[in-house]
PDB file of N, CA and C in Angstrom:
ATOM      1  N   MET A   1       0.902  -1.169   0.121  1.00  0.00           N
ATOM      2  CA  MET A   1       0.105  -0.301  -0.049  1.00  0.00           C
ATOM      3  C   MET A   1       1.258   1.090  -0.326  1.00  0.00           C
ATOM      4  N   TYR A   2       1.523   1.247   0.543  1.00  0.00           N
ATOM      5  CA  TYR A   2       2.714   2.362   1.155  1.00  0.00           C
ATOM      6  C   TYR A   2       3.519   2.642  -0.255  1.00  0.00           C
ATOM      7  N   ASP A   3       3.959   2.010  -1.519  1.00  0.00           N
ATOM      8  CA  ASP A   3       4.606   1.616  -2.688  1.00  0.00           C
ATOM      9  C   ASP A   3       4.040   2.675  -3.466  1.00  0.00           C
ATOM     10  N   ASN A   4       2.307   2.477  -3.451  1.00  0.00           N
ATOM     11  CA  ASN A   4       0.910   3.018  -4.258  1.00  0.00           C
ATOM     12  C   ASN A   4       0.415   4.538  -3.688  1.00  0.00           C
ATOM     13  N   ILE A   5       0.461   4.858  -2.429  1.00  0.00           N
ATOM     14  CA  ILE A   5       0.133   5.824  -2.093  1.00  0.00           C
ATOM     15  C   ILE A   5       0.546   7.234  -2.723  1.00  0.00           C
ATOM     16  N   PHE A   6       1.818   7.118  -2.456  1.00  0.00           N
ATOM     17  CA  PHE A   6       2.247   8.714  -3.150  1.00  0.00           C
ATOM     18  C   PHE A   6       2.196   8.811  -5.076  1.00  0.00           C
ATOM     19  N   PRO A   7       1.986   7.686  -5.766  1.00  0.00           N
ATOM     20  CA  PRO A   7       1.899   7.988  -7.044  1.00  0.00           C
ATOM     21  C   PRO A   7       0.645   8.195  -7.071  1.00  0.00           C
ATOM     22  N   LEU A   8      -0.866   7.432  -6.491  1.00  0.00           N
ATOM     23  CA  LEU A   8      -2.239   7.208  -6.813  1.00  0.00           C
ATOM     24  C   LEU A   8      -2.344   9.591  -6.293  1.00  0.00           C
ATOM     25  N   PHE A   9      -1.688   9.685  -5.118  1.00  0.00           N
ATOM     26  CA  PHE A   9      -1.852  11.044  -4.891  1.00  0.00           C
ATOM     27  C   PHE A   9      -1.523  11.975  -5.373  1.00  0.00           C
ATOM     28  N   ASN A  10      -0.255  12.198  -6.244  1.00  0.00           N
ATOM     29  CA  ASN A  10       0.101  12.759  -7.361  1.00  0.00           C
ATOM     30  C   ASN A  10      -0.671  12.616  -8.427  1.00  0.00           C
ATOM     31  N   LYS A  11      -1.123  11.401  -8.841  1.00  0.00           N
ATOM     32  CA  LYS A  11      -2.304  11.288  -9.997  1.00  0.00           C
ATOM     33  C   LYS A  11      -3.377  12.343  -9.683  1.00  0.00           C
ATOM     34  N   TYR A  12      -4.001  12.256  -8.414  1.00  0.00           N
ATOM     35  CA  TYR A  12      -5.201  12.838  -8.152  1.00  0.00           C
ATOM     36  C   TYR A  12      -5.046  14.580  -7.192  1.00  0.00           C
ATOM     37  N   ARG A  13      -4.018  14.665  -7.231  1.00  0.00           N
ATOM     38  CA  ARG A  13      -3.529  16.082  -5.865  1.00  0.00           C
ATOM     39  C   ARG A  13      -4.864  17.177  -6.598  1.00  0.00           C
ATOM     40  N   ASP A  14      -4.939  17.100  -7.875  1.00  0.00           N
ATOM     41  CA  ASP A  14      -5.411  18.586  -7.962  1.00  0.00           C
ATOM     42  C   ASP A  14      -7.292  18.042  -7.439  1.00  0.00           C
ATOM     43  N   ARG A  15      -7.496  17.075  -7.088  1.00  0.00           N
ATOM     44  CA  ARG A  15      -8.775  16.890  -6.550  1.00  0.00           C
ATOM     45  C   ARG A  15      -8.835  17.039  -4.955  1.00  0.00           C
ATOM     46  N   PHE A  16      -7.865  17.724  -4.238  1.00  0.00           N
ATOM     47  CA  PHE A  16      -7.664  17.893  -2.747  1.00  0.00           C
ATOM     48  C   PHE A  16      -7.383  19.592  -2.493  1.00  0.00           C
ATOM     49  N   SER A  17      -7.706  20.107  -1.707  1.00  0.00           N
ATOM     50  CA  SER A  17      -7.896  21.291  -1.122  1.00  0.00           C
ATOM     51  C   SER A  17      -6.155  21.245  -0.301  1.00  0.00           C
ATOM     52  N   GLY A  18      -6.209  20.011   0.213  1.00  0.00           N
ATOM     53  CA  GLY A  18      -5.005  20.472   1.365  1.00  0.00           C
ATOM     54  C   GLY A  18      -4.804  18.962   2.320  1.00  0.00           C
ATOM     55  N   LEU A  19      -3.534  19.033   2.767  1.00  0.00           N
ATOM     56  CA  LEU A  19      -3.056  17.795   3.448  1.00  0.00           C
ATOM     57  C   LEU A  19      -3.158  17.971   4.742  1.00  0.00           C
ATOM     58  N   ASN A  20      -3.106  16.827   5.371  1.00  0.00           N
ATOM     59  CA  ASN A  20      -2.838  16.772   7.033  1.00  0.00           C
ATOM     60  C   ASN A  20      -2.946  15.489   7.200  1.00  0.00           C
ATOM     61  N   ALA A  21      -1.532  15.164   7.850  1.00  0.00           N
ATOM     62  CA  ALA A  21      -1.046  13.602   8.090  1.00  0.00           C
ATOM     63  C   ALA A  21      -1.010  13.315   9.713  1.00  0.00           C
ATOM     64  N   VAL A  22      -1.443  12.819  10.615  1.00  0.00           N
ATOM     65  CA  VAL A  22      -1.936  12.994  11.613  1.00  0.00           C
ATOM     66  C   VAL A  22      -0.821  10.957  12.201  1.00  0.00           C
ATOM     67  N   ASN A  23      -0.268  11.794  13.236  1.00  0.00           N
ATOM     68  CA  ASN A  23       0.659  10.371  13.923  1.00  0.00           C
ATOM     69  C   ASN A  23      -0.046  10.195  14.979  1.00  0.00           C
ATOM     70  N   VAL A  24      -0.330   8.966  14.884  1.00  0.00           N
ATOM     71  CA  VAL A  24      -0.580   8.470  16.312  1.00  0.00           C
ATOM     72  C   VAL A  24       0.236   7.400  16.872  1.00  0.00           C
ATOM     73  N   GLU A  25       0.632   7.635  18.247  1.00  0.00           N
ATOM     74  CA  GLU A  25       1.549   6.515  18.590  1.00  0.00           C
ATOM     75  C   GLU A  25       1.318   5.967  19.568  1.00  0.00           C
ATOM     76  N   LYS A  26       1.906   4.739  19.804  1.00  0.00           N
ATOM     77  CA  LYS A  26       1.126   3.478  20.790  1.00  0.00           C
ATOM     78  C   LYS A  26       1.065   3.787  22.467  1.00  0.00           C
ATOM     79  N   THR A  27       1.125   5.470  22.372  1.00  0.00           N
ATOM     80  CA  THR A  27       1.138   5.687  23.551  1.00  0.00           C
ATOM     81  C   THR A  27      -0.055   6.514  23.946  1.00  0.00           C
ATOM     82  N   GLY A  28      -0.467   6.861  22.821  1.00  0.00           N
ATOM     83  CA  GLY A  28      -1.866   7.533  22.818  1.00  0.00           C
ATOM     84  C   GLY A  28      -2.057   8.681  22.583  1.00  0.00           C
ATOM     85  N   ASN A  29      -0.285   9.336  22.418  1.00  0.00           N
ATOM     86  CA  ASN A  29      -0.346  10.461  21.923  1.00  0.00           C
ATOM     87  C   ASN A  29      -0.636  10.651  20.332  1.00  0.00           C
ATOM     88  N   THR A  30      -1.335  11.963  19.889  1.00  0.00           N
ATOM     89  CA  THR A  30      -1.684  11.770  18.575  1.00  0.00           C
ATOM     90  C   THR A  30      -1.135  13.747  18.267  1.00  0.00           C
ATOM     91  N   TYR A  31      -0.675  13.650  17.161  1.00  0.00           N
ATOM     92  CA  TYR A  31      -0.306  15.239  16.528  1.00  0.00           C
ATOM     93  C   TYR A  31      -0.102  15.038  14.865  1.00  0.00           C
ATOM     94  N   PHE A  32      -0.515  16.680  14.889  1.00  0.00           N
ATOM     95  CA  PHE A  32      -0.040  16.372  13.516  1.00  0.00           C
ATOM     96  C   PHE A  32       1.173  16.318  12.760  1.00  0.00           C
ATOM     97  N   SER A  33       1.919  15.569  11.647  1.00  0.00           N
ATOM     98  CA  SER A  33       3.134  15.415  11.459  1.00  0.00           C
ATOM     99  C   SER A  33       3.239  16.435  10.370  1.00  0.00           C
ATOM    100  N   LEU A  34       2.018  16.633   9.490  1.00  0.00           N
ATOM    101  CA  LEU A  34       2.124  17.434   8.526  1.00  0.00           C
ATOM    102  C   LEU A  34       1.135  17.962   8.199  1.00  0.00           C
ATOM    103  N   GLU A  35       1.324  19.491   7.405  1.00  0.00           N
ATOM    104  CA  GLU A  35      -0.211  20.006   6.880  1.00  0.00           C
ATOM    105  C   GLU A  35       0.364  20.711   5.815  1.00  0.00           C
ATOM    106  N   TYR A  36      -0.341  21.103   4.598  1.00  0.00           N
ATOM    107  CA  TYR A  36      -0.398  21.432   3.334  1.00  0.00           C
ATOM    108  C   TYR A  36      -1.534  21.938   3.003  1.00  0.00           C
ATOM    109  N   ASP A  37      -1.744  23.324   2.083  1.00  0.00           N
ATOM    110  CA  ASP A  37      -2.599  23.909   1.917  1.00  0.00           C
ATOM    111  C   ASP A  37      -2.484  24.077   0.665  1.00  0.00           C
ATOM    112  N   PHE A  38      -2.532  23.350  -0.630  1.00  0.00           N
ATOM    113  CA  PHE A  38      -2.205  23.631  -2.254  1.00  0.00           C
ATOM    114  C   PHE A  38      -3.308  24.956  -2.378  1.00  0.00           C
ATOM    115  N   LYS A  39      -4.304  25.401  -2.285  1.00  0.00           N
ATOM    116  CA  LYS A  39      -4.469  26.840  -2.540  1.00  0.00           C
ATOM    117  C   LYS A  39      -3.493  27.863  -1.933  1.00  0.00           C
ATOM    118  N   LYS A  40      -3.034  27.916  -0.394  1.00  0.00           N
ATOM    119  CA  LYS A  40      -1.907  29.033  -0.406  1.00  0.00           C
ATOM    120  C   LYS A  40      -0.884  28.749  -1.050  1.00  0.00           C
ATOM    121  N   LYS A  41      -0.675  27.096  -0.949  1.00  0.00           N
ATOM    122  CA  LYS A  41       0.711  26.768  -0.932  1.00  0.00           C
ATOM    123  C   LYS A  41       1.382  26.890   0.447  1.00  0.00           C
ATOM    124  N   ALA A  42       1.163  26.358   1.469  1.00  0.00           N
ATOM    125  CA  ALA A  42       1.585  26.764   2.845  1.00  0.00           C
ATOM    126  C   ALA A  42       1.765  25.476   3.647  1.00  0.00           C
ATOM    127  N   GLY A  43       3.054  25.377   4.096  1.00  0.00           N
ATOM    128  CA  GLY A  43       2.951  24.526   4.391  1.00  0.00           C
ATOM    129  C   GLY A  43       4.605  23.485   3.922  1.00  0.00           C
ATOM    130  N   ALA A  44       4.575  22.666   4.405  1.00  0.00           N
ATOM    131  CA  ALA A  44       5.810  21.632   3.848  1.00  0.00           C
ATOM    132  C   ALA A  44       5.511  20.198   3.246  1.00  0.00           C
ATOM    133  N   LEU A  45       5.752  19.679   2.363  1.00  0.00           N
ATOM    134  CA  LEU A  45       5.734  18.250   1.748  1.00  0.00           C
ATOM    135  C   LEU A  45       7.032  17.520   2.154  1.00  0.00           C
ATOM    136  N   PRO A  46       6.775  16.312   1.874  1.00  0.00           N
ATOM    137  CA  PRO A  46       7.512  15.604   1.951  1.00  0.00           C
ATOM    138  C   PRO A  46       7.982  15.549   0.184  1.00  0.00           C
ATOM    139  N   ALA A  47       9.586  14.921   0.331  1.00  0.00           N
ATOM    140  CA  ALA A  47      10.056  15.343  -1.249  1.00  0.00           C
ATOM    141  C   ALA A  47       9.607  14.293  -1.811  1.00  0.00           C
ATOM    142  N   GLU A  48       8.722  13.082  -1.220  1.00  0.00           N
ATOM    143  CA  GLU A  48       8.337  12.151  -2.094  1.00  0.00           C
ATOM    144  C   GLU A  48       7.022  12.714  -3.211  1.00  0.00           C
ATOM    145  N   ILE A  49       6.438  13.718  -2.696  1.00  0.00           N
ATOM    146  CA  ILE A  49       5.024  13.988  -3.088  1.00  0.00           C
ATOM    147  C   ILE A  49       5.235  15.423  -3.736  1.00  0.00           C
ATOM    148  N   THR A  50       6.292  16.195  -3.851  1.00  0.00           N
ATOM    149  CA  THR A  50       6.314  17.360  -4.104  1.00  0.00           C
ATOM    150  C   THR A  50       6.916  17.096  -5.987  1.00  0.00           C
TER     151      THR A  50
END
């Protein structure tokens, strides 16, 4: 699944207004690890999907 996620996301990224990635740890802590707004071009994308 991981190998397919970035190619699929790039193929359909024009259908998204933004991207939020949430990291949930085994300890129960949850935090945003990535936020990006495609309209404002604000945030930081990992190199794999830029």
